[in-house]
PDB file of N, CA and C in Angstrom:
ATOM      1  N   MET A   1       9.910   4.326 -18.043  1.00  0.00           N
ATOM      2  CA  MET A   1      11.395   3.526 -16.770  1.00  0.00           C
ATOM      3  C   MET A   1      10.678   2.061 -15.950  1.00  0.00           C
ATOM      4  N   LYS A   2      10.688   1.152 -16.518  1.00  0.00           N
ATOM      5  CA  LYS A   2      10.222   0.051 -15.742  1.00  0.00           C
ATOM      6  C   LYS A   2      11.020  -0.088 -14.367  1.00  0.00           C
ATOM      7  N   ILE A   3       9.939  -0.986 -13.157  1.00  0.00           N
ATOM      8  CA  ILE A   3      11.372  -0.991 -12.120  1.00  0.00           C
ATOM      9  C   ILE A   3      10.858  -2.462 -12.096  1.00  0.00           C
ATOM     10  N   THR A   4      11.910  -3.031 -10.872  1.00  0.00           N
ATOM     11  CA  THR A   4      12.222  -4.732 -11.012  1.00  0.00           C
ATOM     12  C   THR A   4      10.939  -4.890  -9.667  1.00  0.00           C
ATOM     13  N   LYS A   5      10.911  -6.464  -9.627  1.00  0.00           N
ATOM     14  CA  LYS A   5       9.544  -6.767  -8.824  1.00  0.00           C
ATOM     15  C   LYS A   5      10.284  -6.044  -7.418  1.00  0.00           C
ATOM     16  N   ARG A   6      11.526  -6.795  -7.188  1.00  0.00           N
ATOM     17  CA  ARG A   6      12.671  -6.094  -5.795  1.00  0.00           C
ATOM     18  C   ARG A   6      12.189  -4.925  -5.253  1.00  0.00           C
ATOM     19  N   GLN A   7      12.557  -3.866  -6.678  1.00  0.00           N
ATOM     20  CA  GLN A   7      12.066  -2.556  -6.236  1.00  0.00           C
ATOM     21  C   GLN A   7      10.827  -2.267  -5.908  1.00  0.00           C
ATOM     22  N   LEU A   8       9.899  -3.146  -6.506  1.00  0.00           N
ATOM     23  CA  LEU A   8       8.215  -2.825  -6.321  1.00  0.00           C
ATOM     24  C   LEU A   8       8.217  -3.265  -4.639  1.00  0.00           C
ATOM     25  N   ARG A   9       9.071  -4.519  -4.543  1.00  0.00           N
ATOM     26  CA  ARG A   9       8.749  -4.736  -3.046  1.00  0.00           C
ATOM     27  C   ARG A   9       8.971  -3.834  -1.880  1.00  0.00           C
ATOM     28  N   ARG A  10      10.495  -3.389  -2.217  1.00  0.00           N
ATOM     29  CA  ARG A  10      10.744  -2.281  -1.162  1.00  0.00           C
ATOM     30  C   ARG A  10       9.870  -0.957  -1.042  1.00  0.00           C
ATOM     31  N   ILE A  11       9.149  -0.974  -2.352  1.00  0.00           N
ATOM     32  CA  ILE A  11       8.771   0.031  -2.060  1.00  0.00           C
ATOM     33  C   ILE A  11       7.255   0.250  -1.673  1.00  0.00           C
ATOM     34  N   ILE A  12       6.933  -0.931  -1.594  1.00  0.00           N
ATOM     35  CA  ILE A  12       5.485  -1.169  -1.010  1.00  0.00           C
ATOM     36  C   ILE A  12       5.925  -1.216   0.589  1.00  0.00           C
ATOM     37  N   LYS A  13       7.303  -2.249   0.711  1.00  0.00           N
ATOM     38  CA  LYS A  13       7.544  -2.041   2.356  1.00  0.00           C
ATOM     39  C   LYS A  13       7.545  -0.785   2.890  1.00  0.00           C
ATOM     40  N   GLU A  14       8.377  -0.028   1.961  1.00  0.00           N
ATOM     41  CA  GLU A  14       8.456   1.458   2.657  1.00  0.00           C
ATOM     42  C   GLU A  14       6.872   2.101   2.762  1.00  0.00           C
ATOM     43  N   GLU A  15       6.692   2.060   1.886  1.00  0.00           N
ATOM     44  CA  GLU A  15       4.608   2.884   2.108  1.00  0.00           C
ATOM     45  C   GLU A  15       4.089   2.180   3.297  1.00  0.00           C
ATOM     46  N   LYS A  16       4.257   0.842   3.087  1.00  0.00           N
ATOM     47  CA  LYS A  16       3.654   0.234   4.861  1.00  0.00           C
ATOM     48  C   LYS A  16       4.071   0.528   6.141  1.00  0.00           C
ATOM     49  N   VAL A  17       5.429   1.176   5.644  1.00  0.00           N
ATOM     50  CA  VAL A  17       5.685   1.728   7.058  1.00  0.00           C
ATOM     51  C   VAL A  17       5.359   2.903   7.445  1.00  0.00           C
ATOM     52  N   LYS A  18       5.223   3.766   6.292  1.00  0.00           N
ATOM     53  CA  LYS A  18       4.782   4.871   6.291  1.00  0.00           C
ATOM     54  C   LYS A  18       3.461   5.156   6.650  1.00  0.00           C
ATOM     55  N   LEU A  19       2.432   4.623   6.341  1.00  0.00           N
ATOM     56  CA  LEU A  19       1.423   4.681   6.813  1.00  0.00           C
ATOM     57  C   LEU A  19       0.479   3.920   7.984  1.00  0.00           C
ATOM     58  N   VAL A  20       1.680   3.104   7.969  1.00  0.00           N
ATOM     59  CA  VAL A  20       1.185   2.635   9.535  1.00  0.00           C
ATOM     60  C   VAL A  20       1.855   3.721  10.688  1.00  0.00           C
ATOM     61  N   SER A  21       3.053   4.761  10.537  1.00  0.00           N
ATOM     62  CA  SER A  21       3.325   5.597  11.226  1.00  0.00           C
ATOM     63  C   SER A  21       2.318   6.432  11.000  1.00  0.00           C
ATOM     64  N   GLU A  22       1.868   7.373   9.974  1.00  0.00           N
ATOM     65  CA  GLU A  22       0.840   7.899  10.187  1.00  0.00           C
ATOM     66  C   GLU A  22      -0.407   7.932  10.383  1.00  0.00           C
ATOM     67  N   ALA A  23      -0.831   6.357  10.748  1.00  0.00           N
ATOM     68  CA  ALA A  23      -2.073   6.314  11.026  1.00  0.00           C
ATOM     69  C   ALA A  23      -2.276   6.244  12.585  1.00  0.00           C
ATOM     70  N   ALA A  24      -0.797   5.338  12.993  1.00  0.00           N
ATOM     71  CA  ALA A  24      -0.990   4.895  14.410  1.00  0.00           C
ATOM     72  C   ALA A  24      -1.296   6.679  15.497  1.00  0.00           C
ATOM     73  N   PRO A  25      -1.267   7.560  15.233  1.00  0.00           N
ATOM     74  CA  PRO A  25      -1.444   8.860  16.302  1.00  0.00           C
ATOM     75  C   PRO A  25      -3.344   8.637  16.056  1.00  0.00           C
ATOM     76  N   ARG A  26      -3.738   8.371  15.341  1.00  0.00           N
ATOM     77  CA  ARG A  26      -5.163   8.913  14.751  1.00  0.00           C
ATOM     78  C   ARG A  26      -6.126   7.835  15.957  1.00  0.00           C
ATOM     79  N   LYS A  27      -5.590   6.565  15.924  1.00  0.00           N
ATOM     80  CA  LYS A  27      -6.491   5.755  16.774  1.00  0.00           C
ATOM     81  C   LYS A  27      -5.699   4.282  16.970  1.00  0.00           C
ATOM     82  N   THR A  28      -5.697   4.096  18.283  1.00  0.00           N
ATOM     83  CA  THR A  28      -5.443   3.369  18.840  1.00  0.00           C
ATOM     84  C   THR A  28      -5.724   1.857  18.304  1.00  0.00           C
ATOM     85  N   ILE A  29      -4.716   0.972  17.891  1.00  0.00           N
ATOM     86  CA  ILE A  29      -5.093   0.095  17.355  1.00  0.00           C
ATOM     87  C   ILE A  29      -4.666  -1.185  17.888  1.00  0.00           C
ATOM     88  N   GLU A  30      -5.975  -2.307  17.961  1.00  0.00           N
ATOM     89  CA  GLU A  30      -4.889  -3.878  18.408  1.00  0.00           C
ATOM     90  C   GLU A  30      -4.440  -4.536  17.559  1.00  0.00           C
ATOM     91  N   TYR A  31      -2.705  -4.725  17.215  1.00  0.00           N
ATOM     92  CA  TYR A  31      -2.053  -5.329  15.893  1.00  0.00           C
ATOM     93  C   TYR A  31      -2.119  -6.535  15.648  1.00  0.00           C
ATOM     94  N   GLN A  32      -2.459  -7.067  17.125  1.00  0.00           N
ATOM     95  CA  GLN A  32      -1.624  -7.968  17.630  1.00  0.00           C
ATOM     96  C   GLN A  32      -2.349  -9.746  17.342  1.00  0.00           C
ATOM     97  N   GLY A  33      -3.735  -9.094  16.938  1.00  0.00           N
ATOM     98  CA  GLY A  33      -5.008  -9.628  16.755  1.00  0.00           C
ATOM     99  C   GLY A  33      -4.668 -10.671  15.521  1.00  0.00           C
ATOM    100  N   GLU A  34      -4.983 -12.239  15.394  1.00  0.00           N
ATOM    101  CA  GLU A  34      -5.101 -12.951  14.360  1.00  0.00           C
ATOM    102  C   GLU A  34      -6.101 -12.488  13.175  1.00  0.00           C
ATOM    103  N   GLU A  35      -7.012 -11.496  13.638  1.00  0.00           N
ATOM    104  CA  GLU A  35      -8.328 -11.379  12.717  1.00  0.00           C
ATOM    105  C   GLU A  35      -6.914  -9.545  11.950  1.00  0.00           C
ATOM    106  N   TRP A  36      -6.563  -9.331  12.315  1.00  0.00           N
ATOM    107  CA  TRP A  36      -5.283  -8.163  12.368  1.00  0.00           C
ATOM    108  C   TRP A  36      -4.277  -8.207  10.955  1.00  0.00           C
ATOM    109  N   PHE A  37      -3.426  -9.564  11.595  1.00  0.00           N
ATOM    110  CA  PHE A  37      -2.452  -9.971  10.731  1.00  0.00           C
ATOM    111  C   PHE A  37      -3.022 -10.762   9.077  1.00  0.00           C
ATOM    112  N   GLN A  38      -3.957 -11.220   9.208  1.00  0.00           N
ATOM    113  CA  GLN A  38      -4.821 -11.986   8.010  1.00  0.00           C
ATOM    114  C   GLN A  38      -5.062 -10.885   6.975  1.00  0.00           C
ATOM    115  N   ALA A  39      -6.229  -9.879   7.648  1.00  0.00           N
ATOM    116  CA  ALA A  39      -6.483  -9.009   6.531  1.00  0.00           C
ATOM    117  C   ALA A  39      -5.226  -7.973   5.921  1.00  0.00           C
ATOM    118  N   PHE A  40      -3.871  -7.904   6.369  1.00  0.00           N
ATOM    119  CA  PHE A  40      -2.976  -7.081   6.757  1.00  0.00           C
ATOM    120  C   PHE A  40      -2.120  -8.133   5.196  1.00  0.00           C
ATOM    121  N   ASP A  41      -2.122  -9.075   5.846  1.00  0.00           N
ATOM    122  CA  ASP A  41      -1.283  -9.928   4.572  1.00  0.00           C
ATOM    123  C   ASP A  41      -2.445 -10.161   3.013  1.00  0.00           C
ATOM    124  N   GLU A  42      -3.873 -10.164   2.947  1.00  0.00           N
ATOM    125  CA  GLU A  42      -4.507 -10.286   1.994  1.00  0.00           C
ATOM    126  C   GLU A  42      -4.510  -8.844   1.241  1.00  0.00           C
ATOM    127  N   LEU A  43      -4.673  -8.008   2.143  1.00  0.00           N
ATOM    128  CA  LEU A  43      -4.169  -6.614   1.430  1.00  0.00           C
ATOM    129  C   LEU A  43      -2.543  -6.751   0.852  1.00  0.00           C
ATOM    130  N   ASN A  44      -1.959  -6.832   1.443  1.00  0.00           N
ATOM    131  CA  ASN A  44      -0.494  -6.664   1.054  1.00  0.00           C
ATOM    132  C   ASN A  44      -0.645  -7.531  -0.419  1.00  0.00           C
ATOM    133  N   GLU A  45      -0.722  -8.904  -0.458  1.00  0.00           N
ATOM    134  CA  GLU A  45      -0.884 -10.028  -1.302  1.00  0.00           C
ATOM    135  C   GLU A  45      -1.400  -9.189  -2.752  1.00  0.00           C
ATOM    136  N   ALA A  46      -3.153  -8.209  -2.375  1.00  0.00           N
ATOM    137  CA  ALA A  46      -3.817  -7.809  -3.430  1.00  0.00           C
ATOM    138  C   ALA A  46      -2.676  -6.992  -3.975  1.00  0.00           C
ATOM    139  N   LEU A  47      -2.525  -5.981  -3.188  1.00  0.00           N
ATOM    140  CA  LEU A  47      -1.222  -5.169  -3.965  1.00  0.00           C
ATOM    141  C   LEU A  47       0.019  -5.260  -4.167  1.00  0.00           C
ATOM    142  N   VAL A  48       0.177  -6.655  -4.273  1.00  0.00           N
ATOM    143  CA  VAL A  48       1.781  -7.116  -4.946  1.00  0.00           C
ATOM    144  C   VAL A  48       1.011  -7.311  -6.215  1.00  0.00           C
ATOM    145  N   ASN A  49       0.218  -8.244  -6.345  1.00  0.00           N
ATOM    146  CA  ASN A  49      -0.856  -8.754  -7.173  1.00  0.00           C
ATOM    147  C   ASN A  49      -0.935  -7.856  -8.477  1.00  0.00           C
ATOM    148  N   LEU A  50      -1.590  -6.964  -7.833  1.00  0.00           N
ATOM    149  CA  LEU A  50      -2.254  -6.070  -8.913  1.00  0.00           C
ATOM    150  C   LEU A  50      -1.417  -4.984  -9.444  1.00  0.00           C
ATOM    151  N   LEU A  51      -0.093  -4.663  -8.607  1.00  0.00           N
ATOM    152  CA  LEU A  51       1.043  -3.860  -9.152  1.00  0.00           C
ATOM    153  C   LEU A  51       2.003  -4.536 -10.041  1.00  0.00           C
ATOM    154  N   ALA A  52       2.066  -5.977 -10.184  1.00  0.00           N
ATOM    155  CA  ALA A  52       2.610  -6.871 -10.771  1.00  0.00           C
ATOM    156  C   ALA A  52       2.001  -7.108 -11.980  1.00  0.00           C
ATOM    157  N   ASN A  53       0.586  -7.178 -11.962  1.00  0.00           N
ATOM    158  CA  ASN A  53      -0.113  -6.977 -13.091  1.00  0.00           C
ATOM    159  C   ASN A  53      -0.215  -5.699 -14.242  1.00  0.00           C
ATOM    160  N   ALA A  54      -0.028  -4.463 -13.309  1.00  0.00           N
ATOM    161  CA  ALA A  54       0.314  -3.674 -13.904  1.00  0.00           C
ATOM    162  C   ALA A  54       1.160  -3.105 -14.679  1.00  0.00           C
ATOM    163  N   LEU A  55       2.515  -3.838 -14.266  1.00  0.00           N
ATOM    164  CA  LEU A  55       3.719  -3.316 -14.485  1.00  0.00           C
ATOM    165  C   LEU A  55       3.558  -4.710 -15.923  1.00  0.00           C
ATOM    166  N   ASP A  56       3.075  -5.607 -16.106  1.00  0.00           N
ATOM    167  CA  ASP A  56       2.781  -6.728 -16.818  1.00  0.00           C
ATOM    168  C   ASP A  56       2.244  -5.753 -18.359  1.00  0.00           C
ATOM    169  N   ALA A  57       1.450  -5.061 -17.645  1.00  0.00           N
ATOM    170  CA  ALA A  57       0.631  -4.522 -19.235  1.00  0.00           C
ATOM    171  C   ALA A  57       1.479  -3.259 -19.973  1.00  0.00           C
ATOM    172  N   GLY A  58       2.631  -2.990 -19.173  1.00  0.00           N
ATOM    173  CA  GLY A  58       3.061  -1.846 -19.504  1.00  0.00           C
ATOM    174  C   GLY A  58       2.892  -0.966 -18.402  1.00  0.00           C
ATOM    175  N   LEU A  59       2.450  -0.326 -17.413  1.00  0.00           N
ATOM    176  CA  LEU A  59       2.427   0.684 -16.826  1.00  0.00           C
ATOM    177  C   LEU A  59       3.804   0.773 -16.354  1.00  0.00           C
ATOM    178  N   LEU A  60       4.108   2.500 -16.037  1.00  0.00           N
ATOM    179  CA  LEU A  60       5.296   2.786 -16.158  1.00  0.00           C
ATOM    180  C   LEU A  60       5.585   3.205 -14.791  1.00  0.00           C
ATOM    181  N   GLU A  61       7.237   3.446 -14.086  1.00  0.00           N
ATOM    182  CA  GLU A  61       6.544   3.957 -12.901  1.00  0.00           C
ATOM    183  C   GLU A  61       6.097   5.080 -12.488  1.00  0.00           C
ATOM    184  N   ASP A  62       6.144   5.869 -13.481  1.00  0.00           N
ATOM    185  CA  ASP A  62       5.234   7.201 -13.144  1.00  0.00           C
ATOM    186  C   ASP A  62       3.953   7.152 -12.990  1.00  0.00           C
ATOM    187  N   ASP A  63       3.480   6.113 -13.632  1.00  0.00           N
ATOM    188  CA  ASP A  63       2.192   5.763 -13.690  1.00  0.00           C
ATOM    189  C   ASP A  63       1.487   5.118 -12.507  1.00  0.00           C
ATOM    190  N   LEU A  64       2.643   3.894 -12.255  1.00  0.00           N
ATOM    191  CA  LEU A  64       2.421   3.691 -10.968  1.00  0.00           C
ATOM    192  C   LEU A  64       2.751   4.704  -9.527  1.00  0.00           C
ATOM    193  N   ASN A  65       2.863   5.569  -9.728  1.00  0.00           N
ATOM    194  CA  ASN A  65       3.229   6.410  -8.918  1.00  0.00           C
ATOM    195  C   ASN A  65       2.012   7.809  -8.047  1.00  0.00           C
ATOM    196  N   ASP A  66       1.440   7.974  -9.841  1.00  0.00           N
ATOM    197  CA  ASP A  66      -0.102   8.821 -10.082  1.00  0.00           C
ATOM    198  C   ASP A  66      -0.675   7.921  -9.604  1.00  0.00           C
ATOM    199  N   ALA A  67      -0.833   6.313  -9.776  1.00  0.00           N
ATOM    200  CA  ALA A  67      -1.843   5.602  -9.393  1.00  0.00           C
ATOM    201  C   ALA A  67      -1.922   5.527  -7.481  1.00  0.00           C
ATOM    202  N   TRP A  68      -1.001   5.831  -7.186  1.00  0.00           N
ATOM    203  CA  TRP A  68      -0.626   5.698  -5.594  1.00  0.00           C
ATOM    204  C   TRP A  68      -0.751   6.723  -5.201  1.00  0.00           C
ATOM    205  N   ALA A  69      -0.929   7.986  -5.815  1.00  0.00           N
ATOM    206  CA  ALA A  69      -0.976   9.499  -5.282  1.00  0.00           C
ATOM    207  C   ALA A  69      -2.507   9.728  -4.876  1.00  0.00           C
ATOM    208  N   ALA A  70      -2.865   8.730  -6.046  1.00  0.00           N
ATOM    209  CA  ALA A  70      -4.441   8.711  -6.162  1.00  0.00           C
ATOM    210  C   ALA A  70      -4.662   8.355  -5.222  1.00  0.00           C
ATOM    211  N   THR A  71      -4.475   6.725  -4.855  1.00  0.00           N
ATOM    212  CA  THR A  71      -4.946   5.540  -4.085  1.00  0.00           C
ATOM    213  C   THR A  71      -5.247   6.240  -2.770  1.00  0.00           C
ATOM    214  N   LYS A  72      -3.835   6.574  -2.420  1.00  0.00           N
ATOM    215  CA  LYS A  72      -3.316   7.573  -0.522  1.00  0.00           C
ATOM    216  C   LYS A  72      -4.633   8.573  -0.469  1.00  0.00           C
ATOM    217  N   THR A  73      -4.529   9.586  -1.736  1.00  0.00           N
ATOM    218  CA  THR A  73      -5.876  10.763  -1.269  1.00  0.00           C
ATOM    219  C   THR A  73      -7.256  10.108  -0.959  1.00  0.00           C
ATOM    220  N   TYR A  74      -7.524   9.400  -1.846  1.00  0.00           N
ATOM    221  CA  TYR A  74      -8.634   8.435  -0.985  1.00  0.00           C
ATOM    222  C   TYR A  74      -8.619   8.048   0.597  1.00  0.00           C
ATOM    223  N   VAL A  75      -7.709   7.334   0.340  1.00  0.00           N
ATOM    224  CA  VAL A  75      -7.610   6.585   1.888  1.00  0.00           C
ATOM    225  C   VAL A  75      -7.774   7.678   3.106  1.00  0.00           C
ATOM    226  N   ASP A  76      -6.919   9.120   2.835  1.00  0.00           N
ATOM    227  CA  ASP A  76      -6.762  10.134   3.670  1.00  0.00           C
ATOM    228  C   ASP A  76      -8.445  10.295   3.734  1.00  0.00           C
ATOM    229  N   GLU A  77      -8.730  10.219   2.979  1.00  0.00           N
ATOM    230  CA  GLU A  77     -10.088  11.055   2.772  1.00  0.00           C
ATOM    231  C   GLU A  77     -11.098  10.214   4.005  1.00  0.00           C
ATOM    232  N   MET A  78     -10.948   8.263   3.418  1.00  0.00           N
ATOM    233  CA  MET A  78     -11.706   7.805   3.990  1.00  0.00           C
ATOM    234  C   MET A  78     -11.744   7.668   5.356  1.00  0.00           C
ATOM    235  N   MET A  79     -10.040   8.030   5.872  1.00  0.00           N
ATOM    236  CA  MET A  79     -10.036   7.758   6.970  1.00  0.00           C
ATOM    237  C   MET A  79      -9.867   8.587   8.087  1.00  0.00           C
ATOM    238  N   GLY A  80     -10.255  10.142   7.554  1.00  0.00           N
ATOM    239  CA  GLY A  80     -10.607  10.755   8.109  1.00  0.00           C
ATOM    240  C   GLY A  80     -11.367  11.469   9.540  1.00  0.00           C
ATOM    241  N   GLY A  81     -11.953  10.700   9.822  1.00  0.00           N
ATOM    242  CA  GLY A  81     -12.892  10.216  10.542  1.00  0.00           C
ATOM    243  C   GLY A  81     -12.299   9.403  11.830  1.00  0.00           C
ATOM    244  N   PHE A  82     -10.764   8.990  11.099  1.00  0.00           N
ATOM    245  CA  PHE A  82     -10.469   8.529  13.064  1.00  0.00           C
ATOM    246  C   PHE A  82      -9.345   9.417  13.357  1.00  0.00           C
TER     247      PHE A  82
END
């Protein structure tokens, strides 16, 4: 099953909200600095480009969900000390 770019953007926004809400209790971070916004925008753009390339290469929604789950596990492990 393929997903549209609009659906992909919605999924990314939803996951971003989940990640920010999950990360907030672990560590207080100053979100208002220009450096933070720039880093966040660069990460978001890179993720959108990677997912668009994956879709163009023929990956399906299940493939993306599997990759996303593996990535979340990795991030959780890396953030374990925070």
